[in-house]
Amino acid sequence: MDINLEKFDKSAVAILRHLAAEFPTGKRIDFKSLFTTDPSDDEFDTHRGAITVLRDKKLIVETKSAKFTLSNEGLTMFGIADIKNHLQTKVDAQ
């Protein structure tokens, strides 16, 4: 059996890009927050599954009020290798 990641990719990439654009603010990542169409049952289930995988892989973390933000691991996907080291350079520069 082959695994088709096309539907997963659509939701996972939308989630990661949305959270990167809003970092560090916690944001909702439900289907309606990211897409303009009403989801089919399959799309809704796939989106929820994508959230589960991203959390399991520690790419996103849940904040208060059912909002999410990128984790340190998630930030590496956008060129920030380590948020602690990034901040250390800023603190040291002052």
C-alpha atoms as a PDB file:
ATOM      1  CA  MET A   1       0.000   0.000   0.000  1.00  0.00           C
ATOM      2  CA  ASP A   2       1.320   3.419  -0.942  1.00  0.00           C
ATOM      3  CA  ILE A   3       0.931   6.412   1.334  1.00  0.00           C
ATOM      4  CA  ASN A   4      -0.224   9.558  -0.445  1.00  0.00           C
ATOM      5  CA  LEU A   5       1.028  12.633   1.400  1.00  0.00           C
ATOM      6  CA  GLU A   6      -0.604  15.204  -0.892  1.00  0.00           C
ATOM      7  CA  LYS A   7      -3.519  16.035   1.423  1.00  0.00           C
ATOM      8  CA  PHE A   8      -1.300  15.935   4.509  1.00  0.00           C
ATOM      9  CA  ASP A   9       1.225  18.251   2.846  1.00  0.00           C
ATOM     10  CA  LYS A  10      -1.474  20.817   2.038  1.00  0.00           C
ATOM     11  CA  SER A  11      -2.498  21.179   5.672  1.00  0.00           C
ATOM     12  CA  ALA A  12       0.943  20.744   7.255  1.00  0.00           C
ATOM     13  CA  VAL A  13       2.596  23.367   5.041  1.00  0.00           C
ATOM     14  CA  ALA A  14      -0.294  25.803   5.534  1.00  0.00           C
ATOM     15  CA  ILE A  15      -0.014  25.387   9.306  1.00  0.00           C
ATOM     16  CA  LEU A  16       3.758  25.878   9.378  1.00  0.00           C
ATOM     17  CA  ARG A  17       3.681  28.921   7.098  1.00  0.00           C
ATOM     18  CA  HIS A  18       0.847  30.516   9.085  1.00  0.00           C
ATOM     19  CA  LEU A  19       2.669  30.044  12.374  1.00  0.00           C
ATOM     20  CA  ALA A  20       5.957  31.303  10.919  1.00  0.00           C
ATOM     21  CA  ALA A  21       4.271  34.463   9.642  1.00  0.00           C
ATOM     22  CA  GLU A  22       2.783  35.105  13.074  1.00  0.00           C
ATOM     23  CA  PHE A  23       5.678  33.945  15.282  1.00  0.00           C
ATOM     24  CA  PRO A  24       5.839  34.127  18.292  1.00  0.00           C
ATOM     25  CA  THR A  25       2.147  34.898  18.688  1.00  0.00           C
ATOM     26  CA  GLY A  26       0.020  31.845  19.347  1.00  0.00           C
ATOM     27  CA  LYS A  27      -2.541  31.366  16.585  1.00  0.00           C
ATOM     28  CA  ARG A  28      -5.481  29.123  15.879  1.00  0.00           C
ATOM     29  CA  ILE A  29      -4.795  26.543  13.222  1.00  0.00           C
ATOM     30  CA  ASP A  30      -8.204  25.009  12.694  1.00  0.00           C
ATOM     31  CA  PHE A  31      -9.197  24.420   9.067  1.00  0.00           C
ATOM     32  CA  LYS A  32     -11.315  27.556   8.784  1.00  0.00           C
ATOM     33  CA  SER A  33      -8.448  29.710  10.081  1.00  0.00           C
ATOM     34  CA  LEU A  34      -6.262  28.652   7.159  1.00  0.00           C
ATOM     35  CA  PHE A  35      -8.530  27.893   4.212  1.00  0.00           C
ATOM     36  CA  THR A  36     -11.423  29.784   2.638  1.00  0.00           C
ATOM     37  CA  THR A  37     -13.474  26.715   1.696  1.00  0.00           C
ATOM     38  CA  ASP A  38     -15.631  24.560   3.910  1.00  0.00           C
ATOM     39  CA  PRO A  39     -13.834  21.282   4.505  1.00  0.00           C
ATOM     40  CA  SER A  40     -15.165  17.925   3.439  1.00  0.00           C
ATOM     41  CA  ASP A  41     -15.109  15.282   6.183  1.00  0.00           C
ATOM     42  CA  ASP A  42     -11.924  13.876   4.640  1.00  0.00           C
ATOM     43  CA  GLU A  43     -10.202  17.289   4.534  1.00  0.00           C
ATOM     44  CA  PHE A  44     -11.218  18.001   8.128  1.00  0.00           C
ATOM     45  CA  ASP A  45      -9.875  14.641   9.332  1.00  0.00           C
ATOM     46  CA  THR A  46      -6.656  15.090   7.344  1.00  0.00           C
ATOM     47  CA  HIS A  47      -6.132  18.547   8.839  1.00  0.00           C
ATOM     48  CA  ARG A  48      -6.608  17.242  12.369  1.00  0.00           C
ATOM     49  CA  GLY A  49      -4.195  14.434  11.584  1.00  0.00           C
ATOM     50  CA  ALA A  50      -1.616  16.941  10.323  1.00  0.00           C
ATOM     51  CA  ILE A  51      -1.868  18.845  13.605  1.00  0.00           C
ATOM     52  CA  THR A  52      -1.321  15.595  15.501  1.00  0.00           C
ATOM     53  CA  VAL A  53       1.774  14.698  13.443  1.00  0.00           C
ATOM     54  CA  LEU A  54       3.264  18.202  13.757  1.00  0.00           C
ATOM     55  CA  ARG A  55       2.762  18.086  17.533  1.00  0.00           C
ATOM     56  CA  ASP A  56       4.151  14.554  17.758  1.00  0.00           C
ATOM     57  CA  LYS A  57       7.263  15.602  15.817  1.00  0.00           C
ATOM     58  CA  LYS A  58       7.562  18.633  18.118  1.00  0.00           C
ATOM     59  CA  LEU A  59       7.394  21.125  15.240  1.00  0.00           C
ATOM     60  CA  ILE A  60       4.546  23.026  16.894  1.00  0.00           C
ATOM     61  CA  VAL A  61       3.534  23.557  20.509  1.00  0.00           C
ATOM     62  CA  GLU A  62       0.173  24.358  21.977  1.00  0.00           C
ATOM     63  CA  THR A  63      -0.181  27.571  23.930  1.00  0.00           C
ATOM     64  CA  LYS A  64      -3.091  28.666  26.086  1.00  0.00           C
ATOM     65  CA  SER A  65      -6.558  28.955  24.576  1.00  0.00           C
ATOM     66  CA  ALA A  66      -5.993  26.171  22.014  1.00  0.00           C
ATOM     67  CA  LYS A  67      -3.540  28.238  20.023  1.00  0.00           C
ATOM     68  CA  PHE A  68      -0.248  27.053  18.584  1.00  0.00           C
ATOM     69  CA  THR A  69       3.204  28.429  17.799  1.00  0.00           C
ATOM     70  CA  LEU A  70       6.345  27.042  16.212  1.00  0.00           C
ATOM     71  CA  SER A  71       8.709  25.132  18.479  1.00  0.00           C
ATOM     72  CA  ASN A  72      12.482  25.427  18.316  1.00  0.00           C
ATOM     73  CA  GLU A  73      12.446  22.445  15.945  1.00  0.00           C
ATOM     74  CA  GLY A  74       9.794  24.119  13.813  1.00  0.00           C
ATOM     75  CA  LEU A  75      11.837  27.301  13.610  1.00  0.00           C
ATOM     76  CA  THR A  76      14.729  25.370  12.076  1.00  0.00           C
ATOM     77  CA  MET A  77      12.567  24.834   9.012  1.00  0.00           C
ATOM     78  CA  PHE A  78      12.650  28.616   8.511  1.00  0.00           C
ATOM     79  CA  GLY A  79      16.392  29.109   8.956  1.00  0.00           C
ATOM     80  CA  ILE A  80      16.557  29.713  12.715  1.00  0.00           C
ATOM     81  CA  ALA A  81      18.773  26.909  13.939  1.00  0.00           C
ATOM     82  CA  ASP A  82      18.278  27.576  17.653  1.00  0.00           C
ATOM     83  CA  ILE A  83      16.138  30.322  19.168  1.00  0.00           C
ATOM     84  CA  LYS A  84      18.207  30.296  22.375  1.00  0.00           C
ATOM     85  CA  ASN A  85      21.447  30.927  20.450  1.00  0.00           C
ATOM     86  CA  HIS A  86      19.706  33.602  18.391  1.00  0.00           C
ATOM     87  CA  LEU A  87      18.622  35.419  21.540  1.00  0.00           C
ATOM     88  CA  GLN A  88      22.045  34.954  23.143  1.00  0.00           C
ATOM     89  CA  THR A  89      23.680  36.860  20.275  1.00  0.00           C
ATOM     90  CA  LYS A  90      21.150  39.680  20.713  1.00  0.00           C
ATOM     91  CA  VAL A  91      21.746  39.841  24.477  1.00  0.00           C
ATOM     92  CA  ASP A  92      25.526  39.753  24.020  1.00  0.00           C
ATOM     93  CA  ALA A  93      25.363  42.577  21.454  1.00  0.00           C
ATOM     94  CA  GLN A  94      23.872  44.957  23.982  1.00  0.00           C
END
